C-alpha atoms as a PDB file:
ATOM      1  CA  UNK A   1     -43.883   2.513  53.147  1.00  0.00           C
ATOM      2  CA  UNK A   2     -43.926   1.837  49.393  1.00  0.00           C
ATOM      3  CA  UNK A   3     -41.120   4.354  48.889  1.00  0.00           C
ATOM      4  CA  UNK A   4     -39.033   2.596  51.505  1.00  0.00           C
ATOM      5  CA  UNK A   5     -39.724  -0.824  49.994  1.00  0.00           C
ATOM      6  CA  UNK A   6     -38.567   0.427  46.607  1.00  0.00           C
ATOM      7  CA  UNK A   7     -35.274   1.585  48.191  1.00  0.00           C
ATOM      8  CA  UNK A   8     -34.768  -1.562  50.286  1.00  0.00           C
ATOM      9  CA  UNK A   9     -36.315  -4.397  48.320  1.00  0.00           C
ATOM     10  CA  UNK A  10     -34.586  -7.241  50.159  1.00  0.00           C
ATOM     11  CA  UNK A  11     -35.197  -5.947  53.685  1.00  0.00           C
ATOM     12  CA  UNK A  12     -37.533  -7.871  56.006  1.00  0.00           C
ATOM     13  CA  UNK A  13     -40.892  -6.144  56.328  1.00  0.00           C
ATOM     14  CA  UNK A  14     -41.065  -6.154  60.162  1.00  0.00           C
ATOM     15  CA  UNK A  15     -37.680  -4.399  60.313  1.00  0.00           C
ATOM     16  CA  UNK A  16     -38.832  -1.812  57.767  1.00  0.00           C
ATOM     17  CA  UNK A  17     -42.059  -1.236  59.694  1.00  0.00           C
ATOM     18  CA  UNK A  18     -40.114  -0.596  62.879  1.00  0.00           C
ATOM     19  CA  UNK A  19     -37.613   1.668  61.094  1.00  0.00           C
ATOM     20  CA  UNK A  20     -40.458   3.648  59.484  1.00  0.00           C
ATOM     21  CA  UNK A  21     -42.177   4.090  62.847  1.00  0.00           C
ATOM     22  CA  UNK A  22     -38.930   5.269  64.450  1.00  0.00           C
ATOM     23  CA  UNK A  23     -38.218   7.775  61.683  1.00  0.00           C
ATOM     24  CA  UNK A  24     -41.771   9.141  61.669  1.00  0.00           C
ATOM     25  CA  UNK A  25     -41.667   9.529  65.444  1.00  0.00           C
ATOM     26  CA  UNK A  26     -38.287  11.256  65.268  1.00  0.00           C
ATOM     27  CA  UNK A  27     -39.433  13.679  62.538  1.00  0.00           C
ATOM     28  CA  UNK A  28     -42.604  14.551  64.455  1.00  0.00           C
ATOM     29  CA  UNK A  29     -40.684  15.079  67.690  1.00  0.00           C
ATOM     30  CA  UNK A  30     -37.954  17.164  66.077  1.00  0.00           C
ATOM     31  CA  UNK A  31     -40.363  19.326  64.063  1.00  0.00           C
ATOM     32  CA  UNK A  32     -43.022  19.502  66.815  1.00  0.00           C
ATOM     33  CA  UNK A  33     -45.697  18.278  64.410  1.00  0.00           C
ATOM     34  CA  UNK A  34     -48.528  15.760  64.938  1.00  0.00           C
ATOM     35  CA  UNK A  35     -47.768  14.036  61.597  1.00  0.00           C
ATOM     36  CA  UNK A  36     -45.163  14.066  58.859  1.00  0.00           C
ATOM     37  CA  UNK A  37     -45.996  16.522  56.038  1.00  0.00           C
ATOM     38  CA  UNK A  38     -46.243  15.092  52.510  1.00  0.00           C
ATOM     39  CA  UNK A  39     -43.265  17.225  51.472  1.00  0.00           C
ATOM     40  CA  UNK A  40     -41.047  15.236  53.876  1.00  0.00           C
ATOM     41  CA  UNK A  41     -42.033  11.738  52.745  1.00  0.00           C
ATOM     42  CA  UNK A  42     -39.033  11.363  50.428  1.00  0.00           C
ATOM     43  CA  UNK A  43     -36.746  12.629  53.174  1.00  0.00           C
ATOM     44  CA  UNK A  44     -38.331  10.143  55.587  1.00  0.00           C
ATOM     45  CA  UNK A  45     -37.728   7.302  53.104  1.00  0.00           C
ATOM     46  CA  UNK A  46     -34.075   8.307  52.801  1.00  0.00           C
ATOM     47  CA  UNK A  47     -33.811   8.486  56.585  1.00  0.00           C
ATOM     48  CA  UNK A  48     -35.193   4.945  56.887  1.00  0.00           C
ATOM     49  CA  UNK A  49     -32.684   3.721  54.303  1.00  0.00           C
ATOM     50  CA  UNK A  50     -29.869   5.449  56.163  1.00  0.00           C
ATOM     51  CA  UNK A  51     -31.006   3.970  59.465  1.00  0.00           C
ATOM     52  CA  UNK A  52     -31.285   0.498  57.956  1.00  0.00           C
ATOM     53  CA  UNK A  53     -27.887   0.688  56.286  1.00  0.00           C
ATOM     54  CA  UNK A  54     -26.107   2.202  59.270  1.00  0.00           C
ATOM     55  CA  UNK A  55     -27.225  -0.601  61.562  1.00  0.00           C
ATOM     56  CA  UNK A  56     -26.329  -3.174  58.887  1.00  0.00           C
ATOM     57  CA  UNK A  57     -29.661  -4.911  59.028  1.00  0.00           C
ATOM     58  CA  UNK A  58     -29.691  -6.704  55.706  1.00  0.00           C
ATOM     59  CA  UNK A  59     -29.848 -10.467  56.079  1.00  0.00           C
ATOM     60  CA  UNK A  60     -26.407 -10.990  54.494  1.00  0.00           C
ATOM     61  CA  UNK A  61     -24.727  -8.389  56.690  1.00  0.00           C
ATOM     62  CA  UNK A  62     -26.504  -8.836  59.987  1.00  0.00           C
ATOM     63  CA  UNK A  63     -23.880  -8.926  62.717  1.00  0.00           C
ATOM     64  CA  UNK A  64     -25.330  -8.809  66.211  1.00  0.00           C
ATOM     65  CA  UNK A  65     -23.589  -6.300  68.423  1.00  0.00           C
ATOM     66  CA  UNK A  66     -22.408  -7.564  71.784  1.00  0.00           C
ATOM     67  CA  UNK A  67     -24.376  -6.049  74.639  1.00  0.00           C
ATOM     68  CA  UNK A  68     -22.745  -7.782  77.570  1.00  0.00           C
ATOM     69  CA  UNK A  69     -20.285 -10.514  78.483  1.00  0.00           C
ATOM     70  CA  UNK A  70     -19.960 -12.423  81.753  1.00  0.00           C
ATOM     71  CA  UNK A  71     -17.084 -14.694  82.714  1.00  0.00           C
ATOM     72  CA  UNK A  72     -18.355 -17.011  85.434  1.00  0.00           C
ATOM     73  CA  UNK A  73     -20.475 -19.656  83.673  1.00  0.00           C
ATOM     74  CA  UNK A  74     -19.876 -17.773  80.394  1.00  0.00           C
ATOM     75  CA  UNK A  75     -22.770 -15.583  79.294  1.00  0.00           C
ATOM     76  CA  UNK A  76     -23.090 -13.423  76.191  1.00  0.00           C
ATOM     77  CA  UNK A  77     -25.917 -11.072  75.332  1.00  0.00           C
ATOM     78  CA  UNK A  78     -26.483  -9.322  72.041  1.00  0.00           C
ATOM     79  CA  UNK A  79     -28.277  -6.134  71.098  1.00  0.00           C
ATOM     80  CA  UNK A  80     -31.434  -6.711  69.082  1.00  0.00           C
ATOM     81  CA  UNK A  81     -32.093  -4.989  65.784  1.00  0.00           C
ATOM     82  CA  UNK A  82     -34.687  -2.763  67.450  1.00  0.00           C
ATOM     83  CA  UNK A  83     -32.234  -1.775  70.183  1.00  0.00           C
ATOM     84  CA  UNK A  84     -29.556  -0.948  67.595  1.00  0.00           C
ATOM     85  CA  UNK A  85     -31.971   1.300  65.706  1.00  0.00           C
ATOM     86  CA  UNK A  86     -33.273   3.006  68.839  1.00  0.00           C
ATOM     87  CA  UNK A  87     -29.737   3.606  70.066  1.00  0.00           C
ATOM     88  CA  UNK A  88     -28.719   5.180  66.768  1.00  0.00           C
ATOM     89  CA  UNK A  89     -31.785   7.426  66.656  1.00  0.00           C
ATOM     90  CA  UNK A  90     -31.363   8.549  70.281  1.00  0.00           C
ATOM     91  CA  UNK A  91     -27.718   9.489  69.711  1.00  0.00           C
ATOM     92  CA  UNK A  92     -28.757  12.638  67.824  1.00  0.00           C
ATOM     93  CA  UNK A  93     -26.257  12.027  65.028  1.00  0.00           C
ATOM     94  CA  UNK A  94     -29.011  10.379  63.055  1.00  0.00           C
ATOM     95  CA  UNK A  95     -30.674  13.733  62.228  1.00  0.00           C
ATOM     96  CA  UNK A  96     -27.474  15.561  61.305  1.00  0.00           C
ATOM     97  CA  UNK A  97     -27.706  14.912  57.568  1.00  0.00           C
ATOM     98  CA  UNK A  98     -31.376  15.879  57.421  1.00  0.00           C
ATOM     99  CA  UNK A  99     -31.539  18.979  59.627  1.00  0.00           C
ATOM    100  CA  UNK A 100     -31.701  21.366  56.660  1.00  0.00           C
ATOM    101  CA  UNK A 101     -34.793  19.641  55.241  1.00  0.00           C
ATOM    102  CA  UNK A 102     -36.422  19.219  58.656  1.00  0.00           C
ATOM    103  CA  UNK A 103     -35.746  22.764  59.851  1.00  0.00           C
ATOM    104  CA  UNK A 104     -37.964  24.138  57.083  1.00  0.00           C
ATOM    105  CA  UNK A 105     -40.915  22.403  58.801  1.00  0.00           C
ATOM    106  CA  UNK A 106     -39.885  22.841  62.418  1.00  0.00           C
ATOM    107  CA  UNK A 107     -42.283  24.741  64.679  1.00  0.00           C
ATOM    108  CA  UNK A 108     -41.786  26.333  68.066  1.00  0.00           C
ATOM    109  CA  UNK A 109     -43.152  24.491  71.093  1.00  0.00           C
ATOM    110  CA  UNK A 110     -46.021  26.107  72.911  1.00  0.00           C
END
């Protein structure tokens, strides 16, 4: 977490905590490991920064994405920060830039 905070000094801590948890979970799932190896901590920090930046979560840039619109009685709903992050991670494109580093630690499922 300290590595991530040094990369994203102005980011809100709850958002960083959630992003870190998502990235750690994604690394463990992709590599079939119970925990992230120390050798991947810098990669994980870069992944968190990429996730944070790609969902534009800084306070100055935060633009809520529209989730739904209704016409009768006018209703708008917006995607939360957590939903934006989860959607990006589940798309699979999130790992593309880091597959080379992660594949070195990937294990076969039993």
